[in-house]
C-alpha atoms as a PDB file:
ATOM      1  CA  UNK A   1      32.045  -1.723 -69.754  1.00  0.00           C
ATOM      2  CA  UNK A   2      31.652   0.945 -72.198  1.00  0.00           C
ATOM      3  CA  UNK A   3      29.233   3.769 -71.960  1.00  0.00           C
ATOM      4  CA  UNK A   4      26.215   3.217 -74.117  1.00  0.00           C
ATOM      5  CA  UNK A   5      26.758  -0.484 -74.565  1.00  0.00           C
ATOM      6  CA  UNK A   6      23.693  -2.548 -73.779  1.00  0.00           C
ATOM      7  CA  UNK A   7      24.009  -5.354 -71.266  1.00  0.00           C
ATOM      8  CA  UNK A   8      22.142  -8.390 -72.546  1.00  0.00           C
ATOM      9  CA  UNK A   9      21.732 -10.036 -69.129  1.00  0.00           C
ATOM     10  CA  UNK A  10      19.792  -7.011 -67.770  1.00  0.00           C
ATOM     11  CA  UNK A  11      17.408  -7.183 -70.677  1.00  0.00           C
ATOM     12  CA  UNK A  12      16.963 -10.916 -70.093  1.00  0.00           C
ATOM     13  CA  UNK A  13      16.380 -10.560 -66.335  1.00  0.00           C
ATOM     14  CA  UNK A  14      13.888  -7.711 -66.690  1.00  0.00           C
ATOM     15  CA  UNK A  15      11.971  -9.269 -69.564  1.00  0.00           C
ATOM     16  CA  UNK A  16       8.333 -10.261 -68.938  1.00  0.00           C
ATOM     17  CA  UNK A  17       8.816 -14.053 -69.355  1.00  0.00           C
ATOM     18  CA  UNK A  18      11.735 -14.203 -66.904  1.00  0.00           C
ATOM     19  CA  UNK A  19       9.875 -12.080 -64.320  1.00  0.00           C
ATOM     20  CA  UNK A  20       6.842 -14.371 -64.699  1.00  0.00           C
ATOM     21  CA  UNK A  21       8.994 -17.497 -64.230  1.00  0.00           C
ATOM     22  CA  UNK A  22      10.715 -15.990 -61.178  1.00  0.00           C
ATOM     23  CA  UNK A  23       7.308 -15.040 -59.738  1.00  0.00           C
ATOM     24  CA  UNK A  24       6.021 -18.592 -60.162  1.00  0.00           C
ATOM     25  CA  UNK A  25       9.165 -19.932 -58.469  1.00  0.00           C
ATOM     26  CA  UNK A  26       8.702 -17.529 -55.542  1.00  0.00           C
ATOM     27  CA  UNK A  27       5.055 -18.628 -55.157  1.00  0.00           C
ATOM     28  CA  UNK A  28       6.055 -22.309 -55.186  1.00  0.00           C
ATOM     29  CA  UNK A  29       8.774 -21.597 -52.630  1.00  0.00           C
ATOM     30  CA  UNK A  30       6.261 -19.804 -50.371  1.00  0.00           C
ATOM     31  CA  UNK A  31       3.847 -22.745 -50.618  1.00  0.00           C
ATOM     32  CA  UNK A  32       6.618 -25.150 -49.647  1.00  0.00           C
ATOM     33  CA  UNK A  33       7.636 -22.969 -46.693  1.00  0.00           C
ATOM     34  CA  UNK A  34       4.017 -22.778 -45.506  1.00  0.00           C
ATOM     35  CA  UNK A  35       3.668 -26.560 -45.737  1.00  0.00           C
ATOM     36  CA  UNK A  36       6.865 -27.054 -43.717  1.00  0.00           C
ATOM     37  CA  UNK A  37       5.598 -24.556 -41.133  1.00  0.00           C
ATOM     38  CA  UNK A  38       2.329 -26.460 -40.671  1.00  0.00           C
ATOM     39  CA  UNK A  39       4.213 -29.763 -40.376  1.00  0.00           C
ATOM     40  CA  UNK A  40       6.538 -28.231 -37.774  1.00  0.00           C
ATOM     41  CA  UNK A  41       3.601 -26.964 -35.708  1.00  0.00           C
ATOM     42  CA  UNK A  42       1.901 -30.347 -35.918  1.00  0.00           C
ATOM     43  CA  UNK A  43       5.083 -32.087 -34.767  1.00  0.00           C
ATOM     44  CA  UNK A  44       5.459 -29.583 -31.940  1.00  0.00           C
ATOM     45  CA  UNK A  45       1.932 -30.330 -30.735  1.00  0.00           C
ATOM     46  CA  UNK A  46       2.555 -34.064 -30.970  1.00  0.00           C
ATOM     47  CA  UNK A  47       5.766 -33.638 -28.997  1.00  0.00           C
ATOM     48  CA  UNK A  48       4.016 -31.850 -26.136  1.00  0.00           C
ATOM     49  CA  UNK A  49       1.352 -34.576 -26.040  1.00  0.00           C
ATOM     50  CA  UNK A  50       4.039 -37.252 -26.045  1.00  0.00           C
ATOM     51  CA  UNK A  51       5.956 -35.515 -23.254  1.00  0.00           C
ATOM     52  CA  UNK A  52       2.807 -35.347 -21.126  1.00  0.00           C
ATOM     53  CA  UNK A  53       2.175 -39.040 -21.807  1.00  0.00           C
ATOM     54  CA  UNK A  54       5.780 -39.818 -20.874  1.00  0.00           C
ATOM     55  CA  UNK A  55       5.429 -37.992 -17.556  1.00  0.00           C
ATOM     56  CA  UNK A  56       2.171 -39.827 -16.824  1.00  0.00           C
ATOM     57  CA  UNK A  57       3.778 -43.173 -17.620  1.00  0.00           C
ATOM     58  CA  UNK A  58       6.816 -42.381 -15.470  1.00  0.00           C
ATOM     59  CA  UNK A  59       4.527 -41.585 -12.538  1.00  0.00           C
ATOM     60  CA  UNK A  60       2.653 -44.835 -13.167  1.00  0.00           C
ATOM     61  CA  UNK A  61       5.972 -46.699 -13.232  1.00  0.00           C
ATOM     62  CA  UNK A  62       6.887 -45.254  -9.830  1.00  0.00           C
ATOM     63  CA  UNK A  63       3.472 -46.245  -8.433  1.00  0.00           C
ATOM     64  CA  UNK A  64       3.852 -49.788  -9.775  1.00  0.00           C
ATOM     65  CA  UNK A  65       7.361 -50.118  -8.329  1.00  0.00           C
ATOM     66  CA  UNK A  66       6.040 -49.080  -4.912  1.00  0.00           C
ATOM     67  CA  UNK A  67       3.187 -51.581  -5.237  1.00  0.00           C
ATOM     68  CA  UNK A  68       5.593 -54.374  -6.234  1.00  0.00           C
ATOM     69  CA  UNK A  69       7.823 -53.503  -3.285  1.00  0.00           C
ATOM     70  CA  UNK A  70       4.778 -53.668  -1.005  1.00  0.00           C
ATOM     71  CA  UNK A  71       3.685 -57.021  -2.456  1.00  0.00           C
ATOM     72  CA  UNK A  72       7.145 -58.556  -2.059  1.00  0.00           C
ATOM     73  CA  UNK A  73       6.666 -58.639   1.711  1.00  0.00           C
ATOM     74  CA  UNK A  74       4.582 -61.219   3.539  1.00  0.00           C
ATOM     75  CA  UNK A  75       2.173 -58.604   4.874  1.00  0.00           C
ATOM     76  CA  UNK A  76       1.542 -57.213   1.379  1.00  0.00           C
ATOM     77  CA  UNK A  77       0.782 -60.658  -0.003  1.00  0.00           C
ATOM     78  CA  UNK A  78      -1.606 -61.355   2.864  1.00  0.00           C
ATOM     79  CA  UNK A  79      -3.422 -58.036   2.364  1.00  0.00           C
ATOM     80  CA  UNK A  80      -3.798 -58.683  -1.360  1.00  0.00           C
ATOM     81  CA  UNK A  81      -5.166 -62.208  -0.779  1.00  0.00           C
ATOM     82  CA  UNK A  82      -7.644 -60.942   1.826  1.00  0.00           C
ATOM     83  CA  UNK A  83      -8.752 -58.152  -0.485  1.00  0.00           C
ATOM     84  CA  UNK A  84      -9.365 -60.410  -3.497  1.00  0.00           C
ATOM     85  CA  UNK A  85     -10.575 -63.590  -1.796  1.00  0.00           C
ATOM     86  CA  UNK A  86     -12.858 -64.284   1.145  1.00  0.00           C
ATOM     87  CA  UNK A  87     -10.369 -66.161   3.321  1.00  0.00           C
ATOM     88  CA  UNK A  88      -9.247 -66.133   6.925  1.00  0.00           C
ATOM     89  CA  UNK A  89      -6.363 -67.638   8.819  1.00  0.00           C
ATOM     90  CA  UNK A  90      -6.784 -70.345  11.410  1.00  0.00           C
ATOM     91  CA  UNK A  91      -8.229 -69.058  14.655  1.00  0.00           C
ATOM     92  CA  UNK A  92      -9.778 -65.920  13.127  1.00  0.00           C
ATOM     93  CA  UNK A  93     -13.459 -65.308  13.625  1.00  0.00           C
ATOM     94  CA  UNK A  94     -15.947 -63.080  11.884  1.00  0.00           C
ATOM     95  CA  UNK A  95     -17.403 -60.212  13.846  1.00  0.00           C
ATOM     96  CA  UNK A  96     -20.482 -58.422  12.597  1.00  0.00           C
ATOM     97  CA  UNK A  97     -21.124 -55.025  14.108  1.00  0.00           C
ATOM     98  CA  UNK A  98     -24.728 -53.983  14.254  1.00  0.00           C
ATOM     99  CA  UNK A  99     -25.532 -50.361  14.810  1.00  0.00           C
ATOM    100  CA  UNK A 100     -28.721 -48.621  15.853  1.00  0.00           C
ATOM    101  CA  UNK A 101     -31.266 -48.378  13.121  1.00  0.00           C
ATOM    102  CA  UNK A 102     -32.139 -44.879  12.170  1.00  0.00           C
ATOM    103  CA  UNK A 103     -35.731 -43.971  12.773  1.00  0.00           C
ATOM    104  CA  UNK A 104     -37.422 -43.003   9.587  1.00  0.00           C
ATOM    105  CA  UNK A 105     -39.755 -40.110   9.946  1.00  0.00           C
ATOM    106  CA  UNK A 106     -42.992 -40.736   8.180  1.00  0.00           C
ATOM    107  CA  UNK A 107     -43.882 -37.915   5.881  1.00  0.00           C
ATOM    108  CA  UNK A 108     -46.595 -35.717   7.247  1.00  0.00           C
ATOM    109  CA  UNK A 109     -49.534 -35.776   4.974  1.00  0.00           C
ATOM    110  CA  UNK A 110     -51.617 -32.686   4.870  1.00  0.00           C
ATOM    111  CA  UNK A 111     -55.233 -32.763   4.018  1.00  0.00           C
ATOM    112  CA  UNK A 112     -55.600 -30.301   1.257  1.00  0.00           C
ATOM    113  CA  UNK A 113     -58.954 -28.705   1.265  1.00  0.00           C
ATOM    114  CA  UNK A 114     -60.139 -28.322  -2.246  1.00  0.00           C
ATOM    115  CA  UNK A 115     -61.952 -25.196  -3.069  1.00  0.00           C
ATOM    116  CA  UNK A 116     -65.081 -25.169  -5.116  1.00  0.00           C
ATOM    117  CA  UNK A 117     -63.465 -23.774  -8.237  1.00  0.00           C
ATOM    118  CA  UNK A 118     -60.830 -26.542  -8.175  1.00  0.00           C
ATOM    119  CA  UNK A 119     -63.477 -29.217  -7.958  1.00  0.00           C
ATOM    120  CA  UNK A 120     -65.205 -27.658 -10.920  1.00  0.00           C
ATOM    121  CA  UNK A 121     -62.171 -28.219 -13.197  1.00  0.00           C
ATOM    122  CA  UNK A 122     -61.723 -31.872 -12.280  1.00  0.00           C
END
């Protein structure tokens, strides 16, 4: 480079139209970055919700496995049938336990004496 020689690329880069175009490109890039940031946050929130749902479903799966294991036995089947249907095995009888009835206290009614001024407003 020679001293005093003008560089054409510097004039082009620092010209008003090129600065305007670069500014518009920077603004569009910032808008795109902001959109990606909001999408990432939304996906992060969805992921935490999905992980909580997964944990809940895994706990439910464990509960159901325990219930199936219980129902595989003869005692479990019998308990389930007795719970859902009104049945009894041969030789079983129904026992009804009757307890003492609670005495209900009758509410004490008070005779309210009405004063003269109260009677006036009725």
